[in-house]
Amino acid sequence: MQLMVQDLTNPMLAQIPHVLLASHVGTIMGVETNAMQFYPDASTPEATVHPGIYRRREGTIDLSTLNGPGFGYRLSEIQRALPEPVTVC
């Protein structure tokens, strides 16, 4: 079955599993990744650790910074300030 991977504007960490899926399965024409076009500053903290994922160069992205356990996020290196939770259970 042929597969087309589209991100439908997934910024921040959501971009990573999206591009990993496209890199590991046989796709029709690669991956559509356009979050950086519609939300250019949304992924700034992630782009400091994974610059090649959030910047296209000649129609390609670079996954070489993804390494380690899980999806290779390297969360400890990403300095994203999150708001306090509304509720804690």
PDB file of N, CA and C in Angstrom:
ATOM      1  N   MET A   1       0.841  -1.174   0.000  1.00  0.00           N
ATOM      2  CA  MET A   1       0.000   0.000   0.000  1.00  0.00           C
ATOM      3  C   MET A   1       0.887   1.237   0.000  1.00  0.00           C
ATOM      4  N   GLN A   2       0.627   2.157  -0.897  1.00  0.00           N
ATOM      5  CA  GLN A   2       1.396   3.389  -0.911  1.00  0.00           C
ATOM      6  C   GLN A   2       0.888   4.339   0.163  1.00  0.00           C
ATOM      7  N   LEU A   3       1.789   5.153   0.670  1.00  0.00           N
ATOM      8  CA  LEU A   3       1.472   6.034   1.782  1.00  0.00           C
ATOM      9  C   LEU A   3       1.964   7.437   1.493  1.00  0.00           C
ATOM     10  N   MET A   4       1.149   8.415   1.843  1.00  0.00           N
ATOM     11  CA  MET A   4       1.551   9.806   1.743  1.00  0.00           C
ATOM     12  C   MET A   4       1.521  10.375   3.161  1.00  0.00           C
ATOM     13  N   VAL A   5       2.598  11.015   3.595  1.00  0.00           N
ATOM     14  CA  VAL A   5       2.659  11.561   4.941  1.00  0.00           C
ATOM     15  C   VAL A   5       2.549  13.075   4.850  1.00  0.00           C
ATOM     16  N   GLN A   6       1.547  13.618   5.540  1.00  0.00           N
ATOM     17  CA  GLN A   6       1.332  15.060   5.586  1.00  0.00           C
ATOM     18  C   GLN A   6       1.278  15.479   7.043  1.00  0.00           C
ATOM     19  N   ASP A   7       1.879  16.612   7.365  1.00  0.00           N
ATOM     20  CA  ASP A   7       1.888  17.014   8.767  1.00  0.00           C
ATOM     21  C   ASP A   7       0.674  17.837   9.175  1.00  0.00           C
ATOM     22  N   LEU A   8      -0.024  18.422   8.235  1.00  0.00           N
ATOM     23  CA  LEU A   8      -1.178  19.254   8.549  1.00  0.00           C
ATOM     24  C   LEU A   8      -0.832  20.264   9.645  1.00  0.00           C
ATOM     25  N   THR A   9       0.339  20.829   9.519  1.00  0.00           N
ATOM     26  CA  THR A   9       0.873  21.872  10.380  1.00  0.00           C
ATOM     27  C   THR A   9       1.081  21.388  11.811  1.00  0.00           C
ATOM     28  N   ASN A  10       1.994  20.445  11.996  1.00  0.00           N
ATOM     29  CA  ASN A  10       2.399  19.975  13.313  1.00  0.00           C
ATOM     30  C   ASN A  10       3.691  20.664  13.727  1.00  0.00           C
ATOM     31  N   PRO A  11       3.625  21.679  14.581  1.00  0.00           N
ATOM     32  CA  PRO A  11       4.855  22.309  15.036  1.00  0.00           C
ATOM     33  C   PRO A  11       5.415  21.606  16.278  1.00  0.00           C
ATOM     34  N   MET A  12       6.480  22.107  16.775  1.00  0.00           N
ATOM     35  CA  MET A  12       7.128  21.682  18.019  1.00  0.00           C
ATOM     36  C   MET A  12       7.474  20.194  17.954  1.00  0.00           C
ATOM     37  N   LEU A  13       7.288  19.468  19.054  1.00  0.00           N
ATOM     38  CA  LEU A  13       7.669  18.057  19.087  1.00  0.00           C
ATOM     39  C   LEU A  13       6.814  17.191  18.167  1.00  0.00           C
ATOM     40  N   ALA A  14       5.621  17.629  17.826  1.00  0.00           N
ATOM     41  CA  ALA A  14       4.743  16.843  16.950  1.00  0.00           C
ATOM     42  C   ALA A  14       5.382  16.604  15.587  1.00  0.00           C
ATOM     43  N   GLN A  15       6.271  17.469  15.185  1.00  0.00           N
ATOM     44  CA  GLN A  15       6.957  17.324  13.898  1.00  0.00           C
ATOM     45  C   GLN A  15       7.851  16.080  13.863  1.00  0.00           C
ATOM     46  N   ILE A  16       8.437  15.725  14.994  1.00  0.00           N
ATOM     47  CA  ILE A  16       9.450  14.660  15.008  1.00  0.00           C
ATOM     48  C   ILE A  16       8.887  13.285  14.667  1.00  0.00           C
ATOM     49  N   PRO A  17       7.854  12.770  15.365  1.00  0.00           N
ATOM     50  CA  PRO A  17       7.347  11.451  14.970  1.00  0.00           C
ATOM     51  C   PRO A  17       6.782  11.459  13.557  1.00  0.00           C
ATOM     52  N   HIS A  18       6.284  12.600  13.136  1.00  0.00           N
ATOM     53  CA  HIS A  18       5.749  12.734  11.781  1.00  0.00           C
ATOM     54  C   HIS A  18       6.839  12.481  10.734  1.00  0.00           C
ATOM     55  N   VAL A  19       7.973  13.151  10.867  1.00  0.00           N
ATOM     56  CA  VAL A  19       9.039  12.969   9.877  1.00  0.00           C
ATOM     57  C   VAL A  19       9.724  11.614  10.041  1.00  0.00           C
ATOM     58  N   LEU A  20       9.765  11.085  11.260  1.00  0.00           N
ATOM     59  CA  LEU A  20      10.335   9.740  11.448  1.00  0.00           C
ATOM     60  C   LEU A  20       9.486   8.688  10.745  1.00  0.00           C
ATOM     61  N   LEU A  21       8.167   8.821  10.827  1.00  0.00           N
ATOM     62  CA  LEU A  21       7.294   7.888  10.118  1.00  0.00           C
ATOM     63  C   LEU A  21       7.604   7.917   8.631  1.00  0.00           C
ATOM     64  N   ALA A  22       7.686   9.106   8.070  1.00  0.00           N
ATOM     65  CA  ALA A  22       7.957   9.233   6.638  1.00  0.00           C
ATOM     66  C   ALA A  22       9.315   8.669   6.258  1.00  0.00           C
ATOM     67  N   SER A  23      10.285   8.760   7.174  1.00  0.00           N
ATOM     68  CA  SER A  23      11.628   8.277   6.847  1.00  0.00           C
ATOM     69  C   SER A  23      11.743   6.755   6.913  1.00  0.00           C
ATOM     70  N   HIS A  24      10.795   6.094   7.578  1.00  0.00           N
ATOM     71  CA  HIS A  24      10.883   4.646   7.763  1.00  0.00           C
ATOM     72  C   HIS A  24       9.901   3.832   6.937  1.00  0.00           C
ATOM     73  N   VAL A  25       9.001   4.494   6.223  1.00  0.00           N
ATOM     74  CA  VAL A  25       8.044   3.759   5.394  1.00  0.00           C
ATOM     75  C   VAL A  25       8.196   4.215   3.951  1.00  0.00           C
ATOM     76  N   GLY A  26       7.767   3.395   3.049  1.00  0.00           N
ATOM     77  CA  GLY A  26       7.832   3.771   1.630  1.00  0.00           C
ATOM     78  C   GLY A  26       6.716   4.741   1.302  1.00  0.00           C
ATOM     79  N   THR A  27       7.065   6.008   1.117  1.00  0.00           N
ATOM     80  CA  THR A  27       6.047   7.002   0.808  1.00  0.00           C
ATOM     81  C   THR A  27       6.002   7.271  -0.690  1.00  0.00           C
ATOM     82  N   ILE A  28       4.934   7.918  -1.128  1.00  0.00           N
ATOM     83  CA  ILE A  28       4.774   8.254  -2.540  1.00  0.00           C
ATOM     84  C   ILE A  28       5.808   9.294  -2.964  1.00  0.00           C
ATOM     85  N   MET A  29       5.893  10.386  -2.237  1.00  0.00           N
ATOM     86  CA  MET A  29       6.787  11.474  -2.615  1.00  0.00           C
ATOM     87  C   MET A  29       7.463  12.089  -1.387  1.00  0.00           C
ATOM     88  N   GLY A  30       7.808  11.320  -0.379  1.00  0.00           N
ATOM     89  CA  GLY A  30       8.454  11.877   0.797  1.00  0.00           C
ATOM     90  C   GLY A  30       7.444  12.317   1.831  1.00  0.00           C
ATOM     91  N   VAL A  31       7.647  13.504   2.370  1.00  0.00           N
ATOM     92  CA  VAL A  31       6.793  14.005   3.447  1.00  0.00           C
ATOM     93  C   VAL A  31       6.455  15.473   3.193  1.00  0.00           C
ATOM     94  N   GLU A  32       5.223  15.835   3.500  1.00  0.00           N
ATOM     95  CA  GLU A  32       4.853  17.249   3.459  1.00  0.00           C
ATOM     96  C   GLU A  32       5.043  17.798   4.863  1.00  0.00           C
ATOM     97  N   THR A  33       5.845  18.809   4.997  1.00  0.00           N
ATOM     98  CA  THR A  33       6.073  19.427   6.300  1.00  0.00           C
ATOM     99  C   THR A  33       6.003  20.939   6.128  1.00  0.00           C
ATOM    100  N   ASN A  34       4.963  21.536   6.663  1.00  0.00           N
ATOM    101  CA  ASN A  34       4.776  22.964   6.427  1.00  0.00           C
ATOM    102  C   ASN A  34       4.510  23.778   7.683  1.00  0.00           C
ATOM    103  N   ALA A  35       4.695  23.204   8.866  1.00  0.00           N
ATOM    104  CA  ALA A  35       4.476  23.961  10.100  1.00  0.00           C
ATOM    105  C   ALA A  35       5.371  25.189  10.164  1.00  0.00           C
ATOM    106  N   MET A  36       6.612  25.059   9.683  1.00  0.00           N
ATOM    107  CA  MET A  36       7.526  26.201   9.745  1.00  0.00           C
ATOM    108  C   MET A  36       7.080  27.352   8.848  1.00  0.00           C
ATOM    109  N   GLN A  37       6.258  27.066   7.882  1.00  0.00           N
ATOM    110  CA  GLN A  37       5.720  28.114   7.007  1.00  0.00           C
ATOM    111  C   GLN A  37       4.576  28.865   7.685  1.00  0.00           C
ATOM    112  N   PHE A  38       3.695  28.139   8.372  1.00  0.00           N
ATOM    113  CA  PHE A  38       2.524  28.752   8.971  1.00  0.00           C
ATOM    114  C   PHE A  38       2.745  29.227  10.401  1.00  0.00           C
ATOM    115  N   TYR A  39       3.657  28.579  11.131  1.00  0.00           N
ATOM    116  CA  TYR A  39       3.990  28.955  12.510  1.00  0.00           C
ATOM    117  C   TYR A  39       5.504  29.044  12.651  1.00  0.00           C
ATOM    118  N   PRO A  40       6.143  30.033  12.053  1.00  0.00           N
ATOM    119  CA  PRO A  40       7.604  30.054  11.971  1.00  0.00           C
ATOM    120  C   PRO A  40       8.320  30.096  13.321  1.00  0.00           C
ATOM    121  N   ASP A  41       7.715  30.679  14.343  1.00  0.00           N
ATOM    122  CA  ASP A  41       8.392  30.786  15.638  1.00  0.00           C
ATOM    123  C   ASP A  41       7.945  29.732  16.650  1.00  0.00           C
ATOM    124  N   ALA A  42       6.956  28.934  16.309  1.00  0.00           N
ATOM    125  CA  ALA A  42       6.401  27.973  17.270  1.00  0.00           C
ATOM    126  C   ALA A  42       7.410  26.932  17.715  1.00  0.00           C
ATOM    127  N   SER A  43       8.334  26.570  16.858  1.00  0.00           N
ATOM    128  CA  SER A  43       9.279  25.488  17.152  1.00  0.00           C
ATOM    129  C   SER A  43      10.687  25.985  17.464  1.00  0.00           C
ATOM    130  N   THR A  44      10.833  27.238  17.832  1.00  0.00           N
ATOM    131  CA  THR A  44      12.162  27.794  18.084  1.00  0.00           C
ATOM    132  C   THR A  44      12.952  27.010  19.131  1.00  0.00           C
ATOM    133  N   PRO A  45      12.375  26.646  20.292  1.00  0.00           N
ATOM    134  CA  PRO A  45      13.158  25.873  21.260  1.00  0.00           C
ATOM    135  C   PRO A  45      13.606  24.509  20.715  1.00  0.00           C
ATOM    136  N   GLU A  46      12.727  23.836  19.984  1.00  0.00           N
ATOM    137  CA  GLU A  46      13.083  22.538  19.407  1.00  0.00           C
ATOM    138  C   GLU A  46      14.128  22.700  18.305  1.00  0.00           C
ATOM    139  N   ALA A  47      14.045  23.774  17.564  1.00  0.00           N
ATOM    140  CA  ALA A  47      14.982  24.007  16.461  1.00  0.00           C
ATOM    141  C   ALA A  47      16.396  24.291  16.944  1.00  0.00           C
ATOM    142  N   THR A  48      16.562  24.710  18.188  1.00  0.00           N
ATOM    143  CA  THR A  48      17.926  24.903  18.695  1.00  0.00           C
ATOM    144  C   THR A  48      18.644  23.570  18.849  1.00  0.00           C
ATOM    145  N   VAL A  49      17.908  22.507  19.116  1.00  0.00           N
ATOM    146  CA  VAL A  49      18.484  21.168  19.263  1.00  0.00           C
ATOM    147  C   VAL A  49      18.436  20.403  17.946  1.00  0.00           C
ATOM    148  N   HIS A  50      17.386  20.584  17.176  1.00  0.00           N
ATOM    149  CA  HIS A  50      17.178  19.870  15.908  1.00  0.00           C
ATOM    150  C   HIS A  50      16.972  20.863  14.759  1.00  0.00           C
ATOM    151  N   PRO A  51      17.961  21.661  14.420  1.00  0.00           N
ATOM    152  CA  PRO A  51      17.761  22.701  13.397  1.00  0.00           C
ATOM    153  C   PRO A  51      17.372  22.160  12.029  1.00  0.00           C
ATOM    154  N   GLY A  52      17.871  21.022  11.655  1.00  0.00           N
ATOM    155  CA  GLY A  52      17.599  20.488  10.331  1.00  0.00           C
ATOM    156  C   GLY A  52      16.180  20.011  10.136  1.00  0.00           C
ATOM    157  N   ILE A  53      15.478  19.737  11.210  1.00  0.00           N
ATOM    158  CA  ILE A  53      14.091  19.281  11.100  1.00  0.00           C
ATOM    159  C   ILE A  53      13.153  20.455  10.862  1.00  0.00           C
ATOM    160  N   TYR A  54      13.499  21.619  11.367  1.00  0.00           N
ATOM    161  CA  TYR A  54      12.610  22.769  11.305  1.00  0.00           C
ATOM    162  C   TYR A  54      13.005  23.791  10.247  1.00  0.00           C
ATOM    163  N   ARG A  55      13.994  23.456   9.412  1.00  0.00           N
ATOM    164  CA  ARG A  55      14.389  24.318   8.293  1.00  0.00           C
ATOM    165  C   ARG A  55      14.599  23.464   7.064  1.00  0.00           C
ATOM    166  N   ARG A  56      13.838  23.729   6.033  1.00  0.00           N
ATOM    167  CA  ARG A  56      14.034  22.997   4.776  1.00  0.00           C
ATOM    168  C   ARG A  56      15.202  23.608   4.024  1.00  0.00           C
ATOM    169  N   ARG A  57      16.011  22.759   3.430  1.00  0.00           N
ATOM    170  CA  ARG A  57      17.118  23.194   2.568  1.00  0.00           C
ATOM    171  C   ARG A  57      16.999  22.432   1.271  1.00  0.00           C
ATOM    172  N   GLU A  58      16.732  23.156   0.193  1.00  0.00           N
ATOM    173  CA  GLU A  58      16.578  22.555  -1.127  1.00  0.00           C
ATOM    174  C   GLU A  58      15.554  21.419  -1.106  1.00  0.00           C
ATOM    175  N   GLY A  59      14.473  21.646  -0.389  1.00  0.00           N
ATOM    176  CA  GLY A  59      13.374  20.688  -0.350  1.00  0.00           C
ATOM    177  C   GLY A  59      13.579  19.498   0.564  1.00  0.00           C
ATOM    178  N   THR A  60      14.620  19.523   1.397  1.00  0.00           N
ATOM    179  CA  THR A  60      14.857  18.396   2.293  1.00  0.00           C
ATOM    180  C   THR A  60      15.021  18.878   3.731  1.00  0.00           C
ATOM    181  N   ILE A  61      14.833  17.963   4.655  1.00  0.00           N
ATOM    182  CA  ILE A  61      15.117  18.226   6.057  1.00  0.00           C
ATOM    183  C   ILE A  61      16.161  17.230   6.524  1.00  0.00           C
ATOM    184  N   ASP A  62      16.813  17.524   7.633  1.00  0.00           N
ATOM    185  CA  ASP A  62      17.922  16.709   8.136  1.00  0.00           C
ATOM    186  C   ASP A  62      17.536  16.102   9.480  1.00  0.00           C
ATOM    187  N   LEU A  63      17.489  14.781   9.555  1.00  0.00           N
ATOM    188  CA  LEU A  63      17.104  14.071  10.779  1.00  0.00           C
ATOM    189  C   LEU A  63      18.306  13.621  11.606  1.00  0.00           C
ATOM    190  N   SER A  64      19.492  14.039  11.253  1.00  0.00           N
ATOM    191  CA  SER A  64      20.703  13.495  11.883  1.00  0.00           C
ATOM    192  C   SER A  64      20.838  13.819  13.366  1.00  0.00           C
ATOM    193  N   THR A  65      20.116  14.822  13.876  1.00  0.00           N
ATOM    194  CA  THR A  65      20.225  15.151  15.304  1.00  0.00           C
ATOM    195  C   THR A  65      19.335  14.277  16.176  1.00  0.00           C
ATOM    196  N   LEU A  66      18.459  13.494  15.555  1.00  0.00           N
ATOM    197  CA  LEU A  66      17.596  12.603  16.338  1.00  0.00           C
ATOM    198  C   LEU A  66      18.395  11.383  16.756  1.00  0.00           C
ATOM    199  N   ASN A  67      18.580  11.238  18.043  1.00  0.00           N
ATOM    200  CA  ASN A  67      19.281  10.051  18.560  1.00  0.00           C
ATOM    201  C   ASN A  67      18.912   9.852  20.012  1.00  0.00           C
ATOM    202  N   GLY A  68      19.179   8.672  20.500  1.00  0.00           N
ATOM    203  CA  GLY A  68      18.837   8.354  21.874  1.00  0.00           C
ATOM    204  C   GLY A  68      17.551   7.567  21.960  1.00  0.00           C
ATOM    205  N   PRO A  69      17.048   7.393  23.181  1.00  0.00           N
ATOM    206  CA  PRO A  69      15.865   6.559  23.382  1.00  0.00           C
ATOM    207  C   PRO A  69      14.596   7.196  22.828  1.00  0.00           C
ATOM    208  N   GLY A  70      13.592   6.342  22.663  1.00  0.00           N
ATOM    209  CA  GLY A  70      12.305   6.832  22.180  1.00  0.00           C
ATOM    210  C   GLY A  70      12.410   7.376  20.780  1.00  0.00           C
ATOM    211  N   PHE A  71      11.840   8.536  20.572  1.00  0.00           N
ATOM    212  CA  PHE A  71      11.866   9.178  19.260  1.00  0.00           C
ATOM    213  C   PHE A  71      13.123  10.005  19.046  1.00  0.00           C
ATOM    214  N   GLY A  72      14.016  10.040  20.013  1.00  0.00           N
ATOM    215  CA  GLY A  72      15.234  10.834  19.879  1.00  0.00           C
ATOM    216  C   GLY A  72      15.009  12.309  20.113  1.00  0.00           C
ATOM    217  N   TYR A  73      13.963  12.655  20.854  1.00  0.00           N
ATOM    218  CA  TYR A  73      13.622  14.050  21.113  1.00  0.00           C
ATOM    219  C   TYR A  73      14.760  14.849  21.760  1.00  0.00           C
ATOM    220  N   ARG A  74      15.483  14.210  22.690  1.00  0.00           N
ATOM    221  CA  ARG A  74      16.508  14.890  23.508  1.00  0.00           C
ATOM    222  C   ARG A  74      15.873  16.020  24.323  1.00  0.00           C
ATOM    223  N   LEU A  75      14.786  15.659  25.022  1.00  0.00           N
ATOM    224  CA  LEU A  75      13.993  16.628  25.771  1.00  0.00           C
ATOM    225  C   LEU A  75      14.793  17.445  26.774  1.00  0.00           C
ATOM    226  N   SER A  76      15.774  16.841  27.403  1.00  0.00           N
ATOM    227  CA  SER A  76      16.542  17.570  28.420  1.00  0.00           C
ATOM    228  C   SER A  76      17.304  18.751  27.832  1.00  0.00           C
ATOM    229  N   GLU A  77      17.504  18.758  26.522  1.00  0.00           N
ATOM    230  CA  GLU A  77      18.231  19.845  25.866  1.00  0.00           C
ATOM    231  C   GLU A  77      17.308  20.934  25.311  1.00  0.00           C
ATOM    232  N   ILE A  78      16.023  20.670  25.262  1.00  0.00           N
ATOM    233  CA  ILE A  78      15.062  21.629  24.709  1.00  0.00           C
ATOM    234  C   ILE A  78      14.554  22.515  25.837  1.00  0.00           C
ATOM    235  N   GLN A  79      14.769  23.795  25.727  1.00  0.00           N
ATOM    236  CA  GLN A  79      14.388  24.754  26.759  1.00  0.00           C
ATOM    237  C   GLN A  79      13.055  25.415  26.418  1.00  0.00           C
ATOM    238  N   ARG A  80      11.966  24.674  26.592  1.00  0.00           N
ATOM    239  CA  ARG A  80      10.636  25.207  26.326  1.00  0.00           C
ATOM    240  C   ARG A  80       9.964  25.521  27.659  1.00  0.00           C
ATOM    241  N   ALA A  81       9.529  26.766  27.819  1.00  0.00           N
ATOM    242  CA  ALA A  81       8.799  27.172  29.012  1.00  0.00           C
ATOM    243  C   ALA A  81       7.323  26.838  28.810  1.00  0.00           C
ATOM    244  N   LEU A  82       6.795  26.022  29.687  1.00  0.00           N
ATOM    245  CA  LEU A  82       5.382  25.633  29.603  1.00  0.00           C
ATOM    246  C   LEU A  82       4.597  26.316  30.722  1.00  0.00           C
ATOM    247  N   PRO A  83       3.336  26.658  30.475  1.00  0.00           N
ATOM    248  CA  PRO A  83       2.527  27.273  31.529  1.00  0.00           C
ATOM    249  C   PRO A  83       2.220  26.254  32.622  1.00  0.00           C
ATOM    250  N   GLU A  84       1.864  26.743  33.784  1.00  0.00           N
ATOM    251  CA  GLU A  84       1.451  25.866  34.877  1.00  0.00           C
ATOM    252  C   GLU A  84       0.164  25.150  34.478  1.00  0.00           C
ATOM    253  N   PRO A  85      -0.006  23.900  34.900  1.00  0.00           N
ATOM    254  CA  PRO A  85      -1.241  23.193  34.565  1.00  0.00           C
ATOM    255  C   PRO A  85      -2.444  23.864  35.228  1.00  0.00           C
ATOM    256  N   VAL A  86      -3.575  23.773  34.574  1.00  0.00           N
ATOM    257  CA  VAL A  86      -4.801  24.362  35.109  1.00  0.00           C
ATOM    258  C   VAL A  86      -5.264  23.596  36.333  1.00  0.00           C
ATOM    259  N   THR A  87      -5.101  22.291  36.277  1.00  0.00           N
ATOM    260  CA  THR A  87      -5.498  21.455  37.398  1.00  0.00           C
ATOM    261  C   THR A  87      -4.523  20.285  37.537  1.00  0.00           C
ATOM    262  N   VAL A  88      -4.384  19.806  38.749  1.00  0.00           N
ATOM    263  CA  VAL A  88      -3.544  18.647  39.032  1.00  0.00           C
ATOM    264  C   VAL A  88      -4.400  17.624  39.749  1.00  0.00           C
ATOM    265  N   CYS A  89      -4.416  16.386  39.273  1.00  0.00           N
ATOM    266  CA  CYS A  89      -5.233  15.345  39.895  1.00  0.00           C
ATOM    267  C   CYS A  89      -4.363  14.360  40.637  1.00  0.00           C
TER     268      CYS A  89
END
